[in-house]
Structure formats: structure tokens, C-alpha cells
Amino acid sequence: MQQIKDTKKLVKQFDERERQSLIRIKETQELIEQNRRLTKRSREILAHASAALGRI
């Protein structure tokens, strides 16, 4: 019986680590996407500023 309990405990711990890993992967993907949007927006702002300076 103890071996079954130990095995269940190990499986539960593994499942929790797996769940946490999936959460971290999702958070990382969201940060990558946010960074991509910010980079794109920064480039747009720089292009506009550069064009504006070119007109002066």
C-alpha cells in the first residue's frame, strides 16, 4: 500500500511540475508577442520622427 501512495504522490508532483511548465511557456509566449508589438511600434515611431526631422 505504501508503494502505491508513494507512486501517487510522485505522479501528483510530476503533474504539478508539468502544469507549472505549461503556465511558464504560455507566459513566455505572451511576453514574446508583447515584445514584438512594442518593437514594431518603436520602429514606427522612429520612422515618423526621422521623417519629421528630415523635413526641418
PDB file of N, CA and C in Angstrom:
ATOM      1  N   MET A   1       0.811  -1.208   0.000  1.00  0.00           N
ATOM      2  CA  MET A   1       0.000   0.000   0.000  1.00  0.00           C
ATOM      3  C   MET A   1       0.854   1.271   0.000  1.00  0.00           C
ATOM      4  N   GLN A   2       1.924   1.236   0.771  1.00  0.00           N
ATOM      5  CA  GLN A   2       2.776   2.421   0.849  1.00  0.00           C
ATOM      6  C   GLN A   2       3.381   2.749  -0.513  1.00  0.00           C
ATOM      7  N   GLN A   3       3.742   1.729  -1.255  1.00  0.00           N
ATOM      8  CA  GLN A   3       4.332   1.951  -2.577  1.00  0.00           C
ATOM      9  C   GLN A   3       3.325   2.641  -3.500  1.00  0.00           C
ATOM     10  N   ILE A   4       2.065   2.252  -3.409  1.00  0.00           N
ATOM     11  CA  ILE A   4       1.013   2.877  -4.226  1.00  0.00           C
ATOM     12  C   ILE A   4       0.869   4.349  -3.832  1.00  0.00           C
ATOM     13  N   LYS A   5       0.866   4.623  -2.533  1.00  0.00           N
ATOM     14  CA  LYS A   5       0.755   6.011  -2.065  1.00  0.00           C
ATOM     15  C   LYS A   5       1.943   6.837  -2.542  1.00  0.00           C
ATOM     16  N   ASP A   6       3.134   6.250  -2.440  1.00  0.00           N
ATOM     17  CA  ASP A   6       4.333   6.959  -2.886  1.00  0.00           C
ATOM     18  C   ASP A   6       4.268   7.246  -4.382  1.00  0.00           C
ATOM     19  N   THR A   7       3.811   6.270  -5.146  1.00  0.00           N
ATOM     20  CA  THR A   7       3.697   6.438  -6.596  1.00  0.00           C
ATOM     21  C   THR A   7       2.686   7.525  -6.934  1.00  0.00           C
ATOM     22  N   LYS A   8       1.551   7.514  -6.254  1.00  0.00           N
ATOM     23  CA  LYS A   8       0.531   8.544  -6.485  1.00  0.00           C
ATOM     24  C   LYS A   8       1.078   9.926  -6.154  1.00  0.00           C
ATOM     25  N   LYS A   9       1.844  10.002  -5.074  1.00  0.00           N
ATOM     26  CA  LYS A   9       2.429  11.282  -4.676  1.00  0.00           C
ATOM     27  C   LYS A   9       3.409  11.771  -5.749  1.00  0.00           C
ATOM     28  N   LEU A  10       4.230  10.862  -6.261  1.00  0.00           N
ATOM     29  CA  LEU A  10       5.186  11.230  -7.307  1.00  0.00           C
ATOM     30  C   LEU A  10       4.470  11.678  -8.577  1.00  0.00           C
ATOM     31  N   VAL A  11       3.417  10.991  -8.930  1.00  0.00           N
ATOM     32  CA  VAL A  11       2.648  11.358 -10.119  1.00  0.00           C
ATOM     33  C   VAL A  11       2.023  12.733  -9.932  1.00  0.00           C
ATOM     34  N   LYS A  12       1.494  12.972  -8.746  1.00  0.00           N
ATOM     35  CA  LYS A  12       0.880  14.273  -8.458  1.00  0.00           C
ATOM     36  C   LYS A  12       1.927  15.382  -8.552  1.00  0.00           C
ATOM     37  N   GLN A  13       3.111  15.145  -8.021  1.00  0.00           N
ATOM     38  CA  GLN A  13       4.188  16.131  -8.095  1.00  0.00           C
ATOM     39  C   GLN A  13       4.597  16.374  -9.547  1.00  0.00           C
ATOM     40  N   PHE A  14       4.687  15.298 -10.315  1.00  0.00           N
ATOM     41  CA  PHE A  14       5.038  15.423 -11.725  1.00  0.00           C
ATOM     42  C   PHE A  14       3.980  16.239 -12.461  1.00  0.00           C
ATOM     43  N   ASP A  15       2.710  15.936 -12.212  1.00  0.00           N
ATOM     44  CA  ASP A  15       1.619  16.665 -12.862  1.00  0.00           C
ATOM     45  C   ASP A  15       1.675  18.153 -12.521  1.00  0.00           C
ATOM     46  N   GLU A  16       1.994  18.466 -11.292  1.00  0.00           N
ATOM     47  CA  GLU A  16       2.080  19.870 -10.883  1.00  0.00           C
ATOM     48  C   GLU A  16       3.243  20.564 -11.589  1.00  0.00           C
ATOM     49  N   ARG A  17       4.380  19.892 -11.679  1.00  0.00           N
ATOM     50  CA  ARG A  17       5.528  20.477 -12.391  1.00  0.00           C
ATOM     51  C   ARG A  17       5.182  20.678 -13.863  1.00  0.00           C
ATOM     52  N   GLU A  18       4.502  19.721 -14.447  1.00  0.00           N
ATOM     53  CA  GLU A  18       4.079  19.834 -15.843  1.00  0.00           C
ATOM     54  C   GLU A  18       3.135  21.027 -16.023  1.00  0.00           C
ATOM     55  N   ARG A  19       2.198  21.185 -15.113  1.00  0.00           N
ATOM     56  CA  ARG A  19       1.246  22.297 -15.172  1.00  0.00           C
ATOM     57  C   ARG A  19       1.979  23.635 -15.050  1.00  0.00           C
ATOM     58  N   GLN A  20       2.908  23.711 -14.120  1.00  0.00           N
ATOM     59  CA  GLN A  20       3.686  24.938 -13.943  1.00  0.00           C
ATOM     60  C   GLN A  20       4.530  25.240 -15.184  1.00  0.00           C
ATOM     61  N   SER A  21       5.087  24.215 -15.787  1.00  0.00           N
ATOM     62  CA  SER A  21       5.874  24.406 -17.010  1.00  0.00           C
ATOM     63  C   SER A  21       5.011  24.964 -18.134  1.00  0.00           C
ATOM     64  N   LEU A  22       3.815  24.431 -18.280  1.00  0.00           N
ATOM     65  CA  LEU A  22       2.913  24.919 -19.323  1.00  0.00           C
ATOM     66  C   LEU A  22       2.512  26.372 -19.078  1.00  0.00           C
ATOM     67  N   ILE A  23       2.315  26.716 -17.816  1.00  0.00           N
ATOM     68  CA  ILE A  23       1.994  28.106 -17.478  1.00  0.00           C
ATOM     69  C   ILE A  23       3.166  29.020 -17.855  1.00  0.00           C
ATOM     70  N   ARG A  24       4.385  28.606 -17.511  1.00  0.00           N
ATOM     71  CA  ARG A  24       5.560  29.422 -17.838  1.00  0.00           C
ATOM     72  C   ARG A  24       5.741  29.550 -19.343  1.00  0.00           C
ATOM     73  N   ILE A  25       5.477  28.487 -20.081  1.00  0.00           N
ATOM     74  CA  ILE A  25       5.578  28.547 -21.544  1.00  0.00           C
ATOM     75  C   ILE A  25       4.579  29.556 -22.098  1.00  0.00           C
ATOM     76  N   LYS A  26       3.357  29.506 -21.604  1.00  0.00           N
ATOM     77  CA  LYS A  26       2.332  30.445 -22.073  1.00  0.00           C
ATOM     78  C   LYS A  26       2.719  31.879 -21.733  1.00  0.00           C
ATOM     79  N   GLU A  27       3.195  32.113 -20.519  1.00  0.00           N
ATOM     80  CA  GLU A  27       3.616  33.454 -20.125  1.00  0.00           C
ATOM     81  C   GLU A  27       4.767  33.942 -21.001  1.00  0.00           C
ATOM     82  N   THR A  28       5.696  33.062 -21.312  1.00  0.00           N
ATOM     83  CA  THR A  28       6.828  33.418 -22.169  1.00  0.00           C
ATOM     84  C   THR A  28       6.356  33.780 -23.570  1.00  0.00           C
ATOM     85  N   GLN A  29       5.423  32.999 -24.104  1.00  0.00           N
ATOM     86  CA  GLN A  29       4.874  33.300 -25.427  1.00  0.00           C
ATOM     87  C   GLN A  29       4.184  34.660 -25.433  1.00  0.00           C
ATOM     88  N   GLU A  30       3.463  34.975 -24.370  1.00  0.00           N
ATOM     89  CA  GLU A  30       2.792  36.270 -24.272  1.00  0.00           C
ATOM     90  C   GLU A  30       3.806  37.411 -24.208  1.00  0.00           C
ATOM     91  N   LEU A  31       4.890  37.214 -23.470  1.00  0.00           N
ATOM     92  CA  LEU A  31       5.930  38.238 -23.388  1.00  0.00           C
ATOM     93  C   LEU A  31       6.626  38.433 -24.734  1.00  0.00           C
ATOM     94  N   ILE A  32       6.869  37.358 -25.446  1.00  0.00           N
ATOM     95  CA  ILE A  32       7.480  37.452 -26.767  1.00  0.00           C
ATOM     96  C   ILE A  32       6.582  38.248 -27.710  1.00  0.00           C
ATOM     97  N   GLU A  33       5.299  37.965 -27.687  1.00  0.00           N
ATOM     98  CA  GLU A  33       4.348  38.689 -28.534  1.00  0.00           C
ATOM     99  C   GLU A  33       4.282  40.161 -28.144  1.00  0.00           C
ATOM    100  N   GLN A  34       4.256  40.441 -26.848  1.00  0.00           N
ATOM    101  CA  GLN A  34       4.234  41.826 -26.380  1.00  0.00           C
ATOM    102  C   GLN A  34       5.497  42.553 -26.849  1.00  0.00           C
ATOM    103  N   ASN A  35       6.635  41.907 -26.734  1.00  0.00           N
ATOM    104  CA  ASN A  35       7.895  42.493 -27.166  1.00  0.00           C
ATOM    105  C   ASN A  35       7.880  42.759 -28.674  1.00  0.00           C
ATOM    106  N   ARG A  36       7.327  41.839 -29.436  1.00  0.00           N
ATOM    107  CA  ARG A  36       7.237  42.007 -30.889  1.00  0.00           C
ATOM    108  C   ARG A  36       6.404  43.251 -31.228  1.00  0.00           C
ATOM    109  N   ARG A  37       5.263  43.403 -30.553  1.00  0.00           N
ATOM    110  CA  ARG A  37       4.403  44.569 -30.807  1.00  0.00           C
ATOM    111  C   ARG A  37       5.100  45.867 -30.405  1.00  0.00           C
ATOM    112  N   LEU A  38       5.780  45.856 -29.262  1.00  0.00           N
ATOM    113  CA  LEU A  38       6.493  47.052 -28.814  1.00  0.00           C
ATOM    114  C   LEU A  38       7.627  47.421 -29.772  1.00  0.00           C
ATOM    115  N   THR A  39       8.334  46.428 -30.247  1.00  0.00           N
ATOM    116  CA  THR A  39       9.418  46.671 -31.196  1.00  0.00           C
ATOM    117  C   THR A  39       8.866  47.269 -32.480  1.00  0.00           C
ATOM    118  N   LYS A  40       7.785  46.713 -32.974  1.00  0.00           N
ATOM    119  CA  LYS A  40       7.156  47.232 -34.194  1.00  0.00           C
ATOM    120  C   LYS A  40       6.731  48.684 -33.994  1.00  0.00           C
ATOM    121  N   ARG A  41       6.083  48.958 -32.862  1.00  0.00           N
ATOM    122  CA  ARG A  41       5.618  50.318 -32.577  1.00  0.00           C
ATOM    123  C   ARG A  41       6.795  51.273 -32.444  1.00  0.00           C
ATOM    124  N   SER A  42       7.869  50.850 -31.806  1.00  0.00           N
ATOM    125  CA  SER A  42       9.059  51.694 -31.661  1.00  0.00           C
ATOM    126  C   SER A  42       9.651  52.039 -33.020  1.00  0.00           C
ATOM    127  N   ARG A  43       9.711  51.059 -33.898  1.00  0.00           N
ATOM    128  CA  ARG A  43      10.233  51.309 -35.242  1.00  0.00           C
ATOM    129  C   ARG A  43       9.358  52.299 -35.997  1.00  0.00           C
ATOM    130  N   GLU A  44       8.050  52.186 -35.830  1.00  0.00           N
ATOM    131  CA  GLU A  44       7.133  53.127 -36.489  1.00  0.00           C
ATOM    132  C   GLU A  44       7.358  54.542 -35.967  1.00  0.00           C
ATOM    133  N   ILE A  45       7.503  54.669 -34.660  1.00  0.00           N
ATOM    134  CA  ILE A  45       7.727  55.987 -34.059  1.00  0.00           C
ATOM    135  C   ILE A  45       9.048  56.578 -34.543  1.00  0.00           C
ATOM    136  N   LEU A  46      10.088  55.755 -34.587  1.00  0.00           N
ATOM    137  CA  LEU A  46      11.386  56.229 -35.063  1.00  0.00           C
ATOM    138  C   LEU A  46      11.328  56.648 -36.523  1.00  0.00           C
ATOM    139  N   ALA A  47      10.597  55.909 -37.333  1.00  0.00           N
ATOM    140  CA  ALA A  47      10.473  56.253 -38.752  1.00  0.00           C
ATOM    141  C   ALA A  47       9.763  57.593 -38.907  1.00  0.00           C
ATOM    142  N   HIS A  48       8.711  57.803 -38.128  1.00  0.00           N
ATOM    143  CA  HIS A  48       7.992  59.073 -38.192  1.00  0.00           C
ATOM    144  C   HIS A  48       8.869  60.229 -37.706  1.00  0.00           C
ATOM    145  N   ALA A  49       9.600  60.003 -36.631  1.00  0.00           N
ATOM    146  CA  ALA A  49      10.473  61.042 -36.102  1.00  0.00           C
ATOM    147  C   ALA A  49      11.578  61.356 -37.099  1.00  0.00           C
ATOM    148  N   SER A  50      12.128  60.350 -37.715  1.00  0.00           N
ATOM    149  CA  SER A  50      13.182  60.550 -38.700  1.00  0.00           C
ATOM    150  C   SER A  50      12.640  61.331 -39.899  1.00  0.00           C
ATOM    151  N   ALA A  51      11.458  60.992 -40.347  1.00  0.00           N
ATOM    152  CA  ALA A  51      10.842  61.707 -41.474  1.00  0.00           C
ATOM    153  C   ALA A  51      10.576  63.155 -41.092  1.00  0.00           C
ATOM    154  N   ALA A  52      10.105  63.382 -39.864  1.00  0.00           N
ATOM    155  CA  ALA A  52       9.825  64.744 -39.412  1.00  0.00           C
ATOM    156  C   ALA A  52      11.103  65.573 -39.337  1.00  0.00           C
ATOM    157  N   LEU A  53      12.177  64.971 -38.876  1.00  0.00           N
ATOM    158  CA  LEU A  53      13.452  65.683 -38.796  1.00  0.00           C
ATOM    159  C   LEU A  53      14.004  65.989 -40.201  1.00  0.00           C
ATOM    160  N   GLY A  54      13.711  65.108 -41.119  1.00  0.00           N
ATOM    161  CA  GLY A  54      14.160  65.316 -42.487  1.00  0.00           C
ATOM    162  C   GLY A  54      13.477  66.478 -43.153  1.00  0.00           C
ATOM    163  N   ARG A  55      12.323  66.854 -42.661  1.00  0.00           N
ATOM    164  CA  ARG A  55      11.577  67.986 -43.238  1.00  0.00           C
ATOM    165  C   ARG A  55      12.007  69.320 -42.670  1.00  0.00           C
ATOM    166  N   ILE A  56      12.764  69.264 -41.593  1.00  0.00           N
ATOM    167  CA  ILE A  56      13.163  70.523 -40.928  1.00  0.00           C
ATOM    168  C   ILE A  56      14.366  71.109 -41.634  1.00  0.00           C
TER     169      ILE A  56
END
